[in-house]
């Protein structure tokens, strides 16, 4: 008999992130979001199932959701 650890999946929505990186014309990219998530201590044991999706709140907005 072998023991299995429980696994769960959940959705994480991050709101109100600026679309442009401070003082530049570069937009926020999914790889930047992924690196920040991986470097945050509360997400130490979390594995991303897929690449983060960056979506603008509205076409003219400078705010995104991940």
C-alpha atoms as a PDB file:
ATOM      1  CA  UNK A   1       0.000   0.000   0.000  1.00  0.00           C
ATOM      2  CA  UNK A   2       1.411   3.382  -0.976  1.00  0.00           C
ATOM      3  CA  UNK A   3       0.473   6.782   0.379  1.00  0.00           C
ATOM      4  CA  UNK A   4      -0.553   9.582  -1.934  1.00  0.00           C
ATOM      5  CA  UNK A   5      -0.493  13.251  -1.136  1.00  0.00           C
ATOM      6  CA  UNK A   6      -3.605  15.215  -1.927  1.00  0.00           C
ATOM      7  CA  UNK A   7      -3.457  17.481  -4.943  1.00  0.00           C
ATOM      8  CA  UNK A   8      -5.828  20.267  -5.753  1.00  0.00           C
ATOM      9  CA  UNK A   9      -6.147  22.737  -8.581  1.00  0.00           C
ATOM     10  CA  UNK A  10      -7.494  26.249  -8.323  1.00  0.00           C
ATOM     11  CA  UNK A  11      -7.735  29.411 -10.351  1.00  0.00           C
ATOM     12  CA  UNK A  12      -5.850  32.496  -9.284  1.00  0.00           C
ATOM     13  CA  UNK A  13      -6.953  35.884 -10.576  1.00  0.00           C
ATOM     14  CA  UNK A  14      -4.657  38.862 -10.024  1.00  0.00           C
ATOM     15  CA  UNK A  15      -6.302  42.247 -10.580  1.00  0.00           C
ATOM     16  CA  UNK A  16      -5.149  45.831 -11.114  1.00  0.00           C
ATOM     17  CA  UNK A  17      -1.663  45.352 -12.524  1.00  0.00           C
ATOM     18  CA  UNK A  18      -0.329  48.192 -14.648  1.00  0.00           C
ATOM     19  CA  UNK A  19      -0.050  47.301 -18.333  1.00  0.00           C
ATOM     20  CA  UNK A  20       3.199  49.203 -18.878  1.00  0.00           C
ATOM     21  CA  UNK A  21       6.312  48.648 -16.770  1.00  0.00           C
ATOM     22  CA  UNK A  22       7.230  51.795 -14.794  1.00  0.00           C
ATOM     23  CA  UNK A  23       8.809  54.570 -16.879  1.00  0.00           C
ATOM     24  CA  UNK A  24       9.019  52.441 -20.037  1.00  0.00           C
ATOM     25  CA  UNK A  25       6.939  51.654 -23.103  1.00  0.00           C
ATOM     26  CA  UNK A  26       7.246  47.902 -22.458  1.00  0.00           C
ATOM     27  CA  UNK A  27       4.053  46.045 -21.626  1.00  0.00           C
ATOM     28  CA  UNK A  28       3.841  43.444 -18.877  1.00  0.00           C
ATOM     29  CA  UNK A  29       4.505  39.965 -20.242  1.00  0.00           C
ATOM     30  CA  UNK A  30       3.405  36.549 -18.940  1.00  0.00           C
ATOM     31  CA  UNK A  31       7.004  35.484 -18.272  1.00  0.00           C
ATOM     32  CA  UNK A  32       7.451  38.476 -15.937  1.00  0.00           C
ATOM     33  CA  UNK A  33       4.290  37.506 -14.053  1.00  0.00           C
ATOM     34  CA  UNK A  34       5.459  33.893 -13.834  1.00  0.00           C
ATOM     35  CA  UNK A  35       8.868  34.891 -12.436  1.00  0.00           C
ATOM     36  CA  UNK A  36       7.264  37.128  -9.802  1.00  0.00           C
ATOM     37  CA  UNK A  37       4.878  34.336  -8.749  1.00  0.00           C
ATOM     38  CA  UNK A  38       7.760  31.852  -8.476  1.00  0.00           C
ATOM     39  CA  UNK A  39       9.862  34.277  -6.425  1.00  0.00           C
ATOM     40  CA  UNK A  40       7.095  35.011  -3.896  1.00  0.00           C
ATOM     41  CA  UNK A  41       7.406  32.943  -0.725  1.00  0.00           C
ATOM     42  CA  UNK A  42       3.662  32.204  -0.415  1.00  0.00           C
ATOM     43  CA  UNK A  43       3.793  30.287  -3.708  1.00  0.00           C
ATOM     44  CA  UNK A  44       6.802  28.082  -2.825  1.00  0.00           C
ATOM     45  CA  UNK A  45       5.026  24.743  -3.292  1.00  0.00           C
ATOM     46  CA  UNK A  46       2.753  25.746  -6.149  1.00  0.00           C
ATOM     47  CA  UNK A  47       3.246  24.565  -9.729  1.00  0.00           C
ATOM     48  CA  UNK A  48       1.622  26.468 -12.571  1.00  0.00           C
ATOM     49  CA  UNK A  49      -0.462  24.236 -14.811  1.00  0.00           C
ATOM     50  CA  UNK A  50      -0.258  26.604 -17.770  1.00  0.00           C
ATOM     51  CA  UNK A  51       1.298  29.912 -18.784  1.00  0.00           C
ATOM     52  CA  UNK A  52      -0.281  33.049 -17.167  1.00  0.00           C
ATOM     53  CA  UNK A  53      -2.719  34.896 -19.403  1.00  0.00           C
ATOM     54  CA  UNK A  54      -2.506  38.724 -19.356  1.00  0.00           C
ATOM     55  CA  UNK A  55      -5.787  40.422 -20.344  1.00  0.00           C
ATOM     56  CA  UNK A  56      -6.461  44.158 -20.502  1.00  0.00           C
ATOM     57  CA  UNK A  57      -9.470  45.250 -18.418  1.00  0.00           C
ATOM     58  CA  UNK A  58     -10.776  47.223 -21.414  1.00  0.00           C
ATOM     59  CA  UNK A  59      -9.262  48.181 -24.784  1.00  0.00           C
ATOM     60  CA  UNK A  60      -8.318  51.725 -23.647  1.00  0.00           C
ATOM     61  CA  UNK A  61      -7.346  50.776 -20.104  1.00  0.00           C
ATOM     62  CA  UNK A  62      -3.816  50.667 -18.708  1.00  0.00           C
ATOM     63  CA  UNK A  63      -4.807  48.001 -16.161  1.00  0.00           C
ATOM     64  CA  UNK A  64      -4.632  44.230 -16.731  1.00  0.00           C
ATOM     65  CA  UNK A  65      -5.869  41.024 -15.106  1.00  0.00           C
ATOM     66  CA  UNK A  66      -3.778  37.867 -14.934  1.00  0.00           C
END
